[in-house]
Amino acid sequence: MTNRFKLSVSGALAGAANGLFGGGGGMVLVPLLQRWCGVEEKKSYATCVAVIFPICLLSAVIYWWRTGLELLTALPYLLGGLAGGALGGKLMARISVVWLRRVFAAFLLYGGVRYLL
C-alpha cells in the first residue's frame, strides 16, 4: 500500500468519526498517522490540527444546514478553543514527546470514561 493511500484512508476515518460524533476525528487521526503511516509524533499532532479544522468546519456547515446549529451557543466554546489552541501550539514545541503522549492518552481516557457514563 502506498503512503498516499494510507494517508487518504486515515483522513476518511477521521472525517467519519468527526461527522458521526461531532468531534473526535483527531483521536482517530493521531494514532493512524503515527502507527500506520509512519509520521513522526509531533508532526502527527500538528498535521492533525491542520486537518481537523476543515473537517470540523464542513461538519459544522452540514449540522447547521440540516439541524439548525446554534451559533450563539457555540461562541463561548469557540473563543475558549481559540485561546486554548494558541496556548497548546506554543506549549507543544516545549513539551517532550513522552509528555505529549501521556497528555493525549489522558484526554482519550477521560473522553472514553465520559462516553461510558
PDB file of N, CA and C in Angstrom:
ATOM      1  N   MET A   1       0.835  -1.186   0.000  1.00  0.00           N
ATOM      2  CA  MET A   1       0.000   0.000   0.000  1.00  0.00           C
ATOM      3  C   MET A   1       0.878   1.248   0.000  1.00  0.00           C
ATOM      4  N   THR A   2       0.500   2.230  -0.775  1.00  0.00           N
ATOM      5  CA  THR A   2       1.274   3.461  -0.804  1.00  0.00           C
ATOM      6  C   THR A   2       0.937   4.323   0.396  1.00  0.00           C
ATOM      7  N   ASN A   3       1.879   5.175   0.751  1.00  0.00           N
ATOM      8  CA  ASN A   3       1.658   6.060   1.890  1.00  0.00           C
ATOM      9  C   ASN A   3       0.529   7.049   1.593  1.00  0.00           C
ATOM     10  N   ARG A   4       0.411   7.475   0.347  1.00  0.00           N
ATOM     11  CA  ARG A   4      -0.667   8.405  -0.023  1.00  0.00           C
ATOM     12  C   ARG A   4      -2.028   7.756   0.207  1.00  0.00           C
ATOM     13  N   PHE A   5      -2.146   6.486  -0.120  1.00  0.00           N
ATOM     14  CA  PHE A   5      -3.401   5.758   0.126  1.00  0.00           C
ATOM     15  C   PHE A   5      -3.675   5.665   1.621  1.00  0.00           C
ATOM     16  N   LYS A   6      -2.665   5.325   2.402  1.00  0.00           N
ATOM     17  CA  LYS A   6      -2.829   5.227   3.858  1.00  0.00           C
ATOM     18  C   LYS A   6      -3.253   6.569   4.448  1.00  0.00           C
ATOM     19  N   LEU A   7      -2.636   7.642   3.973  1.00  0.00           N
ATOM     20  CA  LEU A   7      -2.990   8.973   4.467  1.00  0.00           C
ATOM     21  C   LEU A   7      -4.432   9.324   4.099  1.00  0.00           C
ATOM     22  N   SER A   8      -4.853   8.960   2.893  1.00  0.00           N
ATOM     23  CA  SER A   8      -6.227   9.239   2.464  1.00  0.00           C
ATOM     24  C   SER A   8      -7.243   8.458   3.298  1.00  0.00           C
ATOM     25  N   VAL A   9      -6.947   7.192   3.544  1.00  0.00           N
ATOM     26  CA  VAL A   9      -7.846   6.369   4.368  1.00  0.00           C
ATOM     27  C   VAL A   9      -7.892   6.916   5.792  1.00  0.00           C
ATOM     28  N   SER A  10      -6.740   7.317   6.319  1.00  0.00           N
ATOM     29  CA  SER A  10      -6.698   7.903   7.670  1.00  0.00           C
ATOM     30  C   SER A  10      -7.552   9.154   7.746  1.00  0.00           C
ATOM     31  N   GLY A  11      -7.451  10.012   6.738  1.00  0.00           N
ATOM     32  CA  GLY A  11      -8.274  11.216   6.698  1.00  0.00           C
ATOM     33  C   GLY A  11      -9.757  10.901   6.610  1.00  0.00           C
ATOM     34  N   ALA A  12     -10.098   9.889   5.812  1.00  0.00           N
ATOM     35  CA  ALA A  12     -11.504   9.493   5.686  1.00  0.00           C
ATOM     36  C   ALA A  12     -12.045   8.973   7.012  1.00  0.00           C
ATOM     37  N   LEU A  13     -11.249   8.184   7.725  1.00  0.00           N
ATOM     38  CA  LEU A  13     -11.693   7.673   9.023  1.00  0.00           C
ATOM     39  C   LEU A  13     -11.848   8.803  10.043  1.00  0.00           C
ATOM     40  N   ALA A  14     -10.920   9.754  10.034  1.00  0.00           N
ATOM     41  CA  ALA A  14     -11.029  10.905  10.940  1.00  0.00           C
ATOM     42  C   ALA A  14     -12.262  11.734  10.609  1.00  0.00           C
ATOM     43  N   GLY A  15     -12.514  11.949   9.325  1.00  0.00           N
ATOM     44  CA  GLY A  15     -13.698  12.704   8.915  1.00  0.00           C
ATOM     45  C   GLY A  15     -14.988  11.999   9.302  1.00  0.00           C
ATOM     46  N   ALA A  16     -15.012  10.683   9.136  1.00  0.00           N
ATOM     47  CA  ALA A  16     -16.206   9.912   9.507  1.00  0.00           C
ATOM     48  C   ALA A  16     -16.455   9.992  11.009  1.00  0.00           C
ATOM     49  N   ALA A  17     -15.399   9.844  11.803  1.00  0.00           N
ATOM     50  CA  ALA A  17     -15.551   9.947  13.261  1.00  0.00           C
ATOM     51  C   ALA A  17     -16.042  11.331  13.639  1.00  0.00           C
ATOM     52  N   ASN A  18     -15.473  12.350  13.022  1.00  0.00           N
ATOM     53  CA  ASN A  18     -15.858  13.722  13.327  1.00  0.00           C
ATOM     54  C   ASN A  18     -17.311  13.987  12.936  1.00  0.00           C
ATOM     55  N   GLY A  19     -17.702  13.515  11.764  1.00  0.00           N
ATOM     56  CA  GLY A  19     -19.071  13.726  11.305  1.00  0.00           C
ATOM     57  C   GLY A  19     -20.098  12.962  12.128  1.00  0.00           C
ATOM     58  N   LEU A  20     -19.753  11.750  12.533  1.00  0.00           N
ATOM     59  CA  LEU A  20     -20.686  10.935  13.307  1.00  0.00           C
ATOM     60  C   LEU A  20     -20.844  11.421  14.740  1.00  0.00           C
ATOM     61  N   PHE A  21     -19.744  11.823  15.349  1.00  0.00           N
ATOM     62  CA  PHE A  21     -19.758  12.139  16.777  1.00  0.00           C
ATOM     63  C   PHE A  21     -19.643  13.621  17.084  1.00  0.00           C
ATOM     64  N   GLY A  22     -19.574  14.482  16.069  1.00  0.00           N
ATOM     65  CA  GLY A  22     -19.454  15.913  16.314  1.00  0.00           C
ATOM     66  C   GLY A  22     -18.083  16.302  16.835  1.00  0.00           C
ATOM     67  N   GLY A  23     -17.118  15.498  16.625  1.00  0.00           N
ATOM     68  CA  GLY A  23     -15.741  15.733  17.074  1.00  0.00           C
ATOM     69  C   GLY A  23     -15.060  14.399  17.277  1.00  0.00           C
ATOM     70  N   GLY A  24     -13.823  14.444  17.633  1.00  0.00           N
ATOM     71  CA  GLY A  24     -13.100  13.218  17.908  1.00  0.00           C
ATOM     72  C   GLY A  24     -12.308  12.679  16.745  1.00  0.00           C
ATOM     73  N   GLY A  25     -12.332  13.382  15.620  1.00  0.00           N
ATOM     74  CA  GLY A  25     -11.554  12.928  14.481  1.00  0.00           C
ATOM     75  C   GLY A  25     -10.063  12.883  14.777  1.00  0.00           C
ATOM     76  N   GLY A  26      -9.609  13.795  15.622  1.00  0.00           N
ATOM     77  CA  GLY A  26      -8.191  13.815  15.992  1.00  0.00           C
ATOM     78  C   GLY A  26      -7.786  12.600  16.800  1.00  0.00           C
ATOM     79  N   MET A  27      -8.716  12.087  17.588  1.00  0.00           N
ATOM     80  CA  MET A  27      -8.417  10.894  18.379  1.00  0.00           C
ATOM     81  C   MET A  27      -8.190   9.687  17.479  1.00  0.00           C
ATOM     82  N   VAL A  28      -8.819   9.707  16.319  1.00  0.00           N
ATOM     83  CA  VAL A  28      -8.621   8.639  15.348  1.00  0.00           C
ATOM     84  C   VAL A  28      -7.374   8.911  14.515  1.00  0.00           C
ATOM     85  N   LEU A  29      -7.192  10.177  14.124  1.00  0.00           N
ATOM     86  CA  LEU A  29      -6.145  10.526  13.170  1.00  0.00           C
ATOM     87  C   LEU A  29      -4.733  10.418  13.744  1.00  0.00           C
ATOM     88  N   VAL A  30      -4.525  10.888  14.950  1.00  0.00           N
ATOM     89  CA  VAL A  30      -3.167  10.882  15.511  1.00  0.00           C
ATOM     90  C   VAL A  30      -2.578   9.469  15.573  1.00  0.00           C
ATOM     91  N   PRO A  31      -3.270   8.488  16.153  1.00  0.00           N
ATOM     92  CA  PRO A  31      -2.686   7.139  16.159  1.00  0.00           C
ATOM     93  C   PRO A  31      -2.492   6.555  14.762  1.00  0.00           C
ATOM     94  N   LEU A  32      -3.434   6.833  13.849  1.00  0.00           N
ATOM     95  CA  LEU A  32      -3.287   6.323  12.488  1.00  0.00           C
ATOM     96  C   LEU A  32      -2.066   6.918  11.801  1.00  0.00           C
ATOM     97  N   LEU A  33      -1.876   8.224  11.948  1.00  0.00           N
ATOM     98  CA  LEU A  33      -0.720   8.865  11.328  1.00  0.00           C
ATOM     99  C   LEU A  33       0.580   8.302  11.880  1.00  0.00           C
ATOM    100  N   GLN A  34       0.618   8.093  13.188  1.00  0.00           N
ATOM    101  CA  GLN A  34       1.849   7.619  13.812  1.00  0.00           C
ATOM    102  C   GLN A  34       2.130   6.166  13.481  1.00  0.00           C
ATOM    103  N   ARG A  35       1.186   5.306  13.718  1.00  0.00           N
ATOM    104  CA  ARG A  35       1.460   3.868  13.654  1.00  0.00           C
ATOM    105  C   ARG A  35       1.274   3.266  12.274  1.00  0.00           C
ATOM    106  N   TRP A  36       0.298   3.746  11.523  1.00  0.00           N
ATOM    107  CA  TRP A  36       0.017   3.145  10.225  1.00  0.00           C
ATOM    108  C   TRP A  36       0.758   3.857   9.098  1.00  0.00           C
ATOM    109  N   CYS A  37       0.876   5.198   9.225  1.00  0.00           N
ATOM    110  CA  CYS A  37       1.505   5.967   8.149  1.00  0.00           C
ATOM    111  C   CYS A  37       2.967   6.312   8.430  1.00  0.00           C
ATOM    112  N   GLY A  38       3.417   6.090   9.657  1.00  0.00           N
ATOM    113  CA  GLY A  38       4.811   6.335   9.990  1.00  0.00           C
ATOM    114  C   GLY A  38       5.200   7.801  10.138  1.00  0.00           C
ATOM    115  N   VAL A  39       4.240   8.647  10.475  1.00  0.00           N
ATOM    116  CA  VAL A  39       4.521  10.070  10.673  1.00  0.00           C
ATOM    117  C   VAL A  39       5.071  10.273  12.081  1.00  0.00           C
ATOM    118  N   GLU A  40       6.116  11.073  12.201  1.00  0.00           N
ATOM    119  CA  GLU A  40       6.741  11.359  13.497  1.00  0.00           C
ATOM    120  C   GLU A  40       5.701  11.985  14.433  1.00  0.00           C
ATOM    121  N   GLU A  41       5.835  11.716  15.730  1.00  0.00           N
ATOM    122  CA  GLU A  41       4.779  12.064  16.695  1.00  0.00           C
ATOM    123  C   GLU A  41       4.390  13.536  16.687  1.00  0.00           C
ATOM    124  N   LYS A  42       5.340  14.424  16.862  1.00  0.00           N
ATOM    125  CA  LYS A  42       4.971  15.843  16.912  1.00  0.00           C
ATOM    126  C   LYS A  42       4.382  16.306  15.589  1.00  0.00           C
ATOM    127  N   LYS A  43       4.870  15.782  14.479  1.00  0.00           N
ATOM    128  CA  LYS A  43       4.293  16.134  13.188  1.00  0.00           C
ATOM    129  C   LYS A  43       2.878  15.593  13.050  1.00  0.00           C
ATOM    130  N   SER A  44       2.617  14.433  13.655  1.00  0.00           N
ATOM    131  CA  SER A  44       1.261  13.887  13.569  1.00  0.00           C
ATOM    132  C   SER A  44       0.272  14.758  14.341  1.00  0.00           C
ATOM    133  N   TYR A  45       0.680  15.293  15.484  1.00  0.00           N
ATOM    134  CA  TYR A  45      -0.197  16.194  16.239  1.00  0.00           C
ATOM    135  C   TYR A  45      -0.456  17.476  15.441  1.00  0.00           C
ATOM    136  N   ALA A  46       0.615  18.048  14.885  1.00  0.00           N
ATOM    137  CA  ALA A  46       0.477  19.284  14.108  1.00  0.00           C
ATOM    138  C   ALA A  46      -0.363  19.047  12.853  1.00  0.00           C
ATOM    139  N   THR A  47      -0.127  17.929  12.183  1.00  0.00           N
ATOM    140  CA  THR A  47      -0.907  17.595  10.991  1.00  0.00           C
ATOM    141  C   THR A  47      -2.371  17.426  11.348  1.00  0.00           C
ATOM    142  N   CYS A  48      -2.617  16.797  12.465  1.00  0.00           N
ATOM    143  CA  CYS A  48      -3.982  16.578  12.921  1.00  0.00           C
ATOM    144  C   CYS A  48      -4.709  17.908  13.109  1.00  0.00           C
ATOM    145  N   VAL A  49      -4.047  18.856  13.723  1.00  0.00           N
ATOM    146  CA  VAL A  49      -4.667  20.167  13.939  1.00  0.00           C
ATOM    147  C   VAL A  49      -4.999  20.822  12.601  1.00  0.00           C
ATOM    148  N   ALA A  50      -4.069  20.739  11.654  1.00  0.00           N
ATOM    149  CA  ALA A  50      -4.299  21.353  10.348  1.00  0.00           C
ATOM    150  C   ALA A  50      -5.421  20.664   9.581  1.00  0.00           C
ATOM    151  N   VAL A  51      -5.540  19.370   9.733  1.00  0.00           N
ATOM    152  CA  VAL A  51      -6.540  18.597   9.001  1.00  0.00           C
ATOM    153  C   VAL A  51      -7.914  18.695   9.660  1.00  0.00           C
ATOM    154  N   ILE A  52      -7.948  18.697  10.958  1.00  0.00           N
ATOM    155  CA  ILE A  52      -9.227  18.670  11.665  1.00  0.00           C
ATOM    156  C   ILE A  52     -10.010  19.973  11.481  1.00  0.00           C
ATOM    157  N   PHE A  53      -9.324  21.094  11.351  1.00  0.00           N
ATOM    158  CA  PHE A  53     -10.048  22.365  11.185  1.00  0.00           C
ATOM    159  C   PHE A  53     -11.017  22.331  10.002  1.00  0.00           C
ATOM    160  N   PRO A  54     -10.560  22.010   8.780  1.00  0.00           N
ATOM    161  CA  PRO A  54     -11.542  21.981   7.680  1.00  0.00           C
ATOM    162  C   PRO A  54     -12.583  20.880   7.837  1.00  0.00           C
ATOM    163  N   ILE A  55     -12.206  19.753   8.444  1.00  0.00           N
ATOM    164  CA  ILE A  55     -13.182  18.688   8.671  1.00  0.00           C
ATOM    165  C   ILE A  55     -14.266  19.188   9.620  1.00  0.00           C
ATOM    166  N   CYS A  56     -13.874  19.846  10.700  1.00  0.00           N
ATOM    167  CA  CYS A  56     -14.847  20.394  11.653  1.00  0.00           C
ATOM    168  C   CYS A  56     -15.703  21.467  10.999  1.00  0.00           C
ATOM    169  N   LEU A  57     -15.093  22.296  10.184  1.00  0.00           N
ATOM    170  CA  LEU A  57     -15.842  23.345   9.501  1.00  0.00           C
ATOM    171  C   LEU A  57     -16.913  22.733   8.593  1.00  0.00           C
ATOM    172  N   LEU A  58     -16.534  21.723   7.834  1.00  0.00           N
ATOM    173  CA  LEU A  58     -17.501  21.051   6.967  1.00  0.00           C
ATOM    174  C   LEU A  58     -18.608  20.393   7.785  1.00  0.00           C
ATOM    175  N   SER A  59     -18.243  19.694   8.854  1.00  0.00           N
ATOM    176  CA  SER A  59     -19.256  19.063   9.713  1.00  0.00           C
ATOM    177  C   SER A  59     -20.201  20.108  10.299  1.00  0.00           C
ATOM    178  N   ALA A  60     -19.653  21.243  10.733  1.00  0.00           N
ATOM    179  CA  ALA A  60     -20.487  22.305  11.310  1.00  0.00           C
ATOM    180  C   ALA A  60     -21.462  22.858  10.283  1.00  0.00           C
ATOM    181  N   VAL A  61     -21.007  23.058   9.052  1.00  0.00           N
ATOM    182  CA  VAL A  61     -21.900  23.560   7.998  1.00  0.00           C
ATOM    183  C   VAL A  61     -23.027  22.560   7.728  1.00  0.00           C
ATOM    184  N   ILE A  62     -22.679  21.276   7.680  1.00  0.00           N
ATOM    185  CA  ILE A  62     -23.704  20.259   7.445  1.00  0.00           C
ATOM    186  C   ILE A  62     -24.691  20.213   8.608  1.00  0.00           C
ATOM    187  N   TYR A  63     -24.181  20.257   9.857  1.00  0.00           N
ATOM    188  CA  TYR A  63     -25.085  20.285  11.018  1.00  0.00           C
ATOM    189  C   TYR A  63     -25.979  21.524  10.957  1.00  0.00           C
ATOM    190  N   TRP A  64     -25.409  22.678  10.654  1.00  0.00           N
ATOM    191  CA  TRP A  64     -26.171  23.925  10.586  1.00  0.00           C
ATOM    192  C   TRP A  64     -27.253  23.825   9.521  1.00  0.00           C
ATOM    193  N   TRP A  65     -26.910  23.274   8.381  1.00  0.00           N
ATOM    194  CA  TRP A  65     -27.838  23.156   7.270  1.00  0.00           C
ATOM    195  C   TRP A  65     -28.963  22.171   7.580  1.00  0.00           C
ATOM    196  N   ARG A  66     -28.654  21.063   8.230  1.00  0.00           N
ATOM    197  CA  ARG A  66     -29.644  20.008   8.454  1.00  0.00           C
ATOM    198  C   ARG A  66     -30.400  20.133   9.767  1.00  0.00           C
ATOM    199  N   THR A  67     -29.739  20.618  10.817  1.00  0.00           N
ATOM    200  CA  THR A  67     -30.400  20.606  12.129  1.00  0.00           C
ATOM    201  C   THR A  67     -30.474  21.971  12.789  1.00  0.00           C
ATOM    202  N   GLY A  68     -29.920  23.000  12.203  1.00  0.00           N
ATOM    203  CA  GLY A  68     -30.011  24.327  12.799  1.00  0.00           C
ATOM    204  C   GLY A  68     -29.047  24.539  13.952  1.00  0.00           C
ATOM    205  N   LEU A  69     -27.779  24.408  13.690  1.00  0.00           N
ATOM    206  CA  LEU A  69     -26.740  24.648  14.683  1.00  0.00           C
ATOM    207  C   LEU A  69     -26.908  26.034  15.298  1.00  0.00           C
ATOM    208  N   GLU A  70     -26.839  26.132  16.624  1.00  0.00           N
ATOM    209  CA  GLU A  70     -26.978  27.407  17.320  1.00  0.00           C
ATOM    210  C   GLU A  70     -25.614  28.071  17.469  1.00  0.00           C
ATOM    211  N   LEU A  71     -25.334  29.037  16.607  1.00  0.00           N
ATOM    212  CA  LEU A  71     -24.016  29.674  16.602  1.00  0.00           C
ATOM    213  C   LEU A  71     -23.739  30.455  17.883  1.00  0.00           C
ATOM    214  N   LEU A  72     -24.747  31.089  18.460  1.00  0.00           N
ATOM    215  CA  LEU A  72     -24.531  31.836  19.704  1.00  0.00           C
ATOM    216  C   LEU A  72     -24.183  30.899  20.858  1.00  0.00           C
ATOM    217  N   THR A  73     -24.739  29.709  20.839  1.00  0.00           N
ATOM    218  CA  THR A  73     -24.398  28.720  21.859  1.00  0.00           C
ATOM    219  C   THR A  73     -22.948  28.272  21.700  1.00  0.00           C
ATOM    220  N   ALA A  74     -22.477  28.192  20.465  1.00  0.00           N
ATOM    221  CA  ALA A  74     -21.119  27.720  20.184  1.00  0.00           C
ATOM    222  C   ALA A  74     -20.054  28.801  20.418  1.00  0.00           C
ATOM    223  N   LEU A  75     -20.440  30.067  20.443  1.00  0.00           N
ATOM    224  CA  LEU A  75     -19.465  31.154  20.529  1.00  0.00           C
ATOM    225  C   LEU A  75     -18.527  31.085  21.733  1.00  0.00           C
ATOM    226  N   PRO A  76     -19.005  30.868  22.957  1.00  0.00           N
ATOM    227  CA  PRO A  76     -18.066  30.782  24.082  1.00  0.00           C
ATOM    228  C   PRO A  76     -17.052  29.643  23.914  1.00  0.00           C
ATOM    229  N   TYR A  77     -17.495  28.519  23.345  1.00  0.00           N
ATOM    230  CA  TYR A  77     -16.584  27.398  23.123  1.00  0.00           C
ATOM    231  C   TYR A  77     -15.550  27.753  22.066  1.00  0.00           C
ATOM    232  N   LEU A  78     -15.993  28.489  21.060  1.00  0.00           N
ATOM    233  CA  LEU A  78     -15.072  28.916  20.008  1.00  0.00           C
ATOM    234  C   LEU A  78     -13.996  29.831  20.570  1.00  0.00           C
ATOM    235  N   LEU A  79     -14.402  30.790  21.378  1.00  0.00           N
ATOM    236  CA  LEU A  79     -13.427  31.720  21.966  1.00  0.00           C
ATOM    237  C   LEU A  79     -12.456  30.992  22.889  1.00  0.00           C
ATOM    238  N   GLY A  80     -12.988  30.106  23.724  1.00  0.00           N
ATOM    239  CA  GLY A  80     -12.124  29.321  24.595  1.00  0.00           C
ATOM    240  C   GLY A  80     -11.216  28.398  23.797  1.00  0.00           C
ATOM    241  N   GLY A  81     -11.755  27.811  22.734  1.00  0.00           N
ATOM    242  CA  GLY A  81     -10.963  26.925  21.882  1.00  0.00           C
ATOM    243  C   GLY A  81      -9.840  27.668  21.180  1.00  0.00           C
ATOM    244  N   LEU A  82     -10.098  28.897  20.746  1.00  0.00           N
ATOM    245  CA  LEU A  82      -9.040  29.699  20.122  1.00  0.00           C
ATOM    246  C   LEU A  82      -7.923  30.004  21.117  1.00  0.00           C
ATOM    247  N   ALA A  83      -8.296  30.377  22.332  1.00  0.00           N
ATOM    248  CA  ALA A  83      -7.290  30.654  23.364  1.00  0.00           C
ATOM    249  C   ALA A  83      -6.512  29.386  23.719  1.00  0.00           C
ATOM    250  N   GLY A  84      -7.224  28.281  23.893  1.00  0.00           N
ATOM    251  CA  GLY A  84      -6.565  27.019  24.209  1.00  0.00           C
ATOM    252  C   GLY A  84      -5.684  26.532  23.077  1.00  0.00           C
ATOM    253  N   GLY A  85      -6.116  26.727  21.845  1.00  0.00           N
ATOM    254  CA  GLY A  85      -5.318  26.330  20.686  1.00  0.00           C
ATOM    255  C   GLY A  85      -4.026  27.116  20.585  1.00  0.00           C
ATOM    256  N   ALA A  86      -4.104  28.422  20.860  1.00  0.00           N
ATOM    257  CA  ALA A  86      -2.894  29.248  20.839  1.00  0.00           C
ATOM    258  C   ALA A  86      -1.925  28.811  21.929  1.00  0.00           C
ATOM    259  N   LEU A  87      -2.444  28.568  23.115  1.00  0.00           N
ATOM    260  CA  LEU A  87      -1.602  28.123  24.224  1.00  0.00           C
ATOM    261  C   LEU A  87      -0.999  26.751  23.940  1.00  0.00           C
ATOM    262  N   GLY A  88      -1.822  25.827  23.480  1.00  0.00           N
ATOM    263  CA  GLY A  88      -1.337  24.485  23.170  1.00  0.00           C
ATOM    264  C   GLY A  88      -0.285  24.488  22.073  1.00  0.00           C
ATOM    265  N   GLY A  89      -0.476  25.319  21.061  1.00  0.00           N
ATOM    266  CA  GLY A  89       0.508  25.420  19.979  1.00  0.00           C
ATOM    267  C   GLY A  89       1.858  25.899  20.477  1.00  0.00           C
ATOM    268  N   LYS A  90       1.841  26.847  21.409  1.00  0.00           N
ATOM    269  CA  LYS A  90       3.103  27.339  21.982  1.00  0.00           C
ATOM    270  C   LYS A  90       3.755  26.301  22.890  1.00  0.00           C
ATOM    271  N   LEU A  91       2.936  25.598  23.673  1.00  0.00           N
ATOM    272  CA  LEU A  91       3.468  24.594  24.596  1.00  0.00           C
ATOM    273  C   LEU A  91       4.006  23.360  23.880  1.00  0.00           C
ATOM    274  N   MET A  92       3.429  23.030  22.733  1.00  0.00           N
ATOM    275  CA  MET A  92       3.816  21.811  22.030  1.00  0.00           C
ATOM    276  C   MET A  92       5.309  21.783  21.705  1.00  0.00           C
ATOM    277  N   ALA A  93       5.849  22.900  21.340  1.00  0.00           N
ATOM    278  CA  ALA A  93       7.272  22.955  20.993  1.00  0.00           C
ATOM    279  C   ALA A  93       8.163  22.714  22.208  1.00  0.00           C
ATOM    280  N   ARG A  94       7.641  22.957  23.390  1.00  0.00           N
ATOM    281  CA  ARG A  94       8.440  22.844  24.614  1.00  0.00           C
ATOM    282  C   ARG A  94       8.252  21.524  25.353  1.00  0.00           C
ATOM    283  N   ILE A  95       7.215  20.771  25.015  1.00  0.00           N
ATOM    284  CA  ILE A  95       6.899  19.548  25.741  1.00  0.00           C
ATOM    285  C   ILE A  95       7.552  18.360  25.043  1.00  0.00           C
ATOM    286  N   SER A  96       8.091  17.456  25.818  1.00  0.00           N
ATOM    287  CA  SER A  96       8.710  16.268  25.240  1.00  0.00           C
ATOM    288  C   SER A  96       7.641  15.355  24.650  1.00  0.00           C
ATOM    289  N   VAL A  97       8.060  14.513  23.733  1.00  0.00           N
ATOM    290  CA  VAL A  97       7.145  13.578  23.092  1.00  0.00           C
ATOM    291  C   VAL A  97       6.511  12.654  24.133  1.00  0.00           C
ATOM    292  N   VAL A  98       7.269  12.264  25.130  1.00  0.00           N
ATOM    293  CA  VAL A  98       6.738  11.380  26.177  1.00  0.00           C
ATOM    294  C   VAL A  98       5.565  12.049  26.887  1.00  0.00           C
ATOM    295  N   TRP A  99       5.708  13.316  27.242  1.00  0.00           N
ATOM    296  CA  TRP A  99       4.624  14.016  27.932  1.00  0.00           C
ATOM    297  C   TRP A  99       3.451  14.298  27.006  1.00  0.00           C
ATOM    298  N   LEU A 100       3.738  14.581  25.732  1.00  0.00           N
ATOM    299  CA  LEU A 100       2.640  14.753  24.773  1.00  0.00           C
ATOM    300  C   LEU A 100       1.814  13.483  24.693  1.00  0.00           C
ATOM    301  N   ARG A 101       2.484  12.348  24.633  1.00  0.00           N
ATOM    302  CA  ARG A 101       1.806  11.052  24.575  1.00  0.00           C
ATOM    303  C   ARG A 101       0.965  10.832  25.825  1.00  0.00           C
ATOM    304  N   ARG A 102       1.500  11.179  26.977  1.00  0.00           N
ATOM    305  CA  ARG A 102       0.775  10.989  28.243  1.00  0.00           C
ATOM    306  C   ARG A 102      -0.452  11.891  28.320  1.00  0.00           C
ATOM    307  N   VAL A 103      -0.292  13.148  27.929  1.00  0.00           N
ATOM    308  CA  VAL A 103      -1.422  14.085  27.963  1.00  0.00           C
ATOM    309  C   VAL A 103      -2.499  13.632  26.981  1.00  0.00           C
ATOM    310  N   PHE A 104      -2.087  13.220  25.778  1.00  0.00           N
ATOM    311  CA  PHE A 104      -3.044  12.737  24.785  1.00  0.00           C
ATOM    312  C   PHE A 104      -3.781  11.503  25.306  1.00  0.00           C
ATOM    313  N   ALA A 105      -3.048  10.580  25.918  1.00  0.00           N
ATOM    314  CA  ALA A 105      -3.664   9.375  26.481  1.00  0.00           C
ATOM    315  C   ALA A 105      -4.641   9.742  27.597  1.00  0.00           C
ATOM    316  N   ALA A 106      -4.286  10.730  28.407  1.00  0.00           N
ATOM    317  CA  ALA A 106      -5.179  11.160  29.487  1.00  0.00           C
ATOM    318  C   ALA A 106      -6.483  11.715  28.913  1.00  0.00           C
ATOM    319  N   PHE A 107      -6.400  12.493  27.838  1.00  0.00           N
ATOM    320  CA  PHE A 107      -7.609  13.011  27.198  1.00  0.00           C
ATOM    321  C   PHE A 107      -8.443  11.882  26.602  1.00  0.00           C
ATOM    322  N   LEU A 108      -7.787  10.914  25.981  1.00  0.00           N
ATOM    323  CA  LEU A 108      -8.517   9.770  25.434  1.00  0.00           C
ATOM    324  C   LEU A 108      -9.226   9.000  26.538  1.00  0.00           C
ATOM    325  N   LEU A 109      -8.530   8.765  27.632  1.00  0.00           N
ATOM    326  CA  LEU A 109      -9.106   8.042  28.760  1.00  0.00           C
ATOM    327  C   LEU A 109     -10.286   8.818  29.346  1.00  0.00           C
ATOM    328  N   TYR A 110     -10.090  10.110  29.559  1.00  0.00           N
ATOM    329  CA  TYR A 110     -11.159  10.949  30.094  1.00  0.00           C
ATOM    330  C   TYR A 110     -12.386  10.908  29.167  1.00  0.00           C
ATOM    331  N   GLY A 111     -12.146  11.087  27.861  1.00  0.00           N
ATOM    332  CA  GLY A 111     -13.255  11.065  26.908  1.00  0.00           C
ATOM    333  C   GLY A 111     -13.969   9.732  26.879  1.00  0.00           C
ATOM    334  N   GLY A 112     -13.192   8.646  26.942  1.00  0.00           N
ATOM    335  CA  GLY A 112     -13.791   7.309  26.948  1.00  0.00           C
ATOM    336  C   GLY A 112     -14.653   7.076  28.165  1.00  0.00           C
ATOM    337  N   VAL A 113     -14.157   7.479  29.319  1.00  0.00           N
ATOM    338  CA  VAL A 113     -14.929   7.312  30.567  1.00  0.00           C
ATOM    339  C   VAL A 113     -16.190   8.157  30.512  1.00  0.00           C
ATOM    340  N   ARG A 114     -16.084   9.383  30.016  1.00  0.00           N
ATOM    341  CA  ARG A 114     -17.260  10.248  29.939  1.00  0.00           C
ATOM    342  C   ARG A 114     -18.330   9.665  29.001  1.00  0.00           C
ATOM    343  N   TYR A 115     -17.886   9.075  27.900  1.00  0.00           N
ATOM    344  CA  TYR A 115     -18.843   8.471  26.975  1.00  0.00           C
ATOM    345  C   TYR A 115     -19.539   7.266  27.595  1.00  0.00           C
ATOM    346  N   LEU A 116     -18.808   6.516  28.387  1.00  0.00           N
ATOM    347  CA  LEU A 116     -19.400   5.333  29.019  1.00  0.00           C
ATOM    348  C   LEU A 116     -20.373   5.690  30.129  1.00  0.00           C
ATOM    349  N   LEU A 117     -20.119   6.799  30.811  1.00  0.00           N
ATOM    350  CA  LEU A 117     -21.006   7.193  31.920  1.00  0.00           C
ATOM    351  C   LEU A 117     -22.075   8.065  31.363  1.00  0.00           C
TER     352      LEU A 117
END
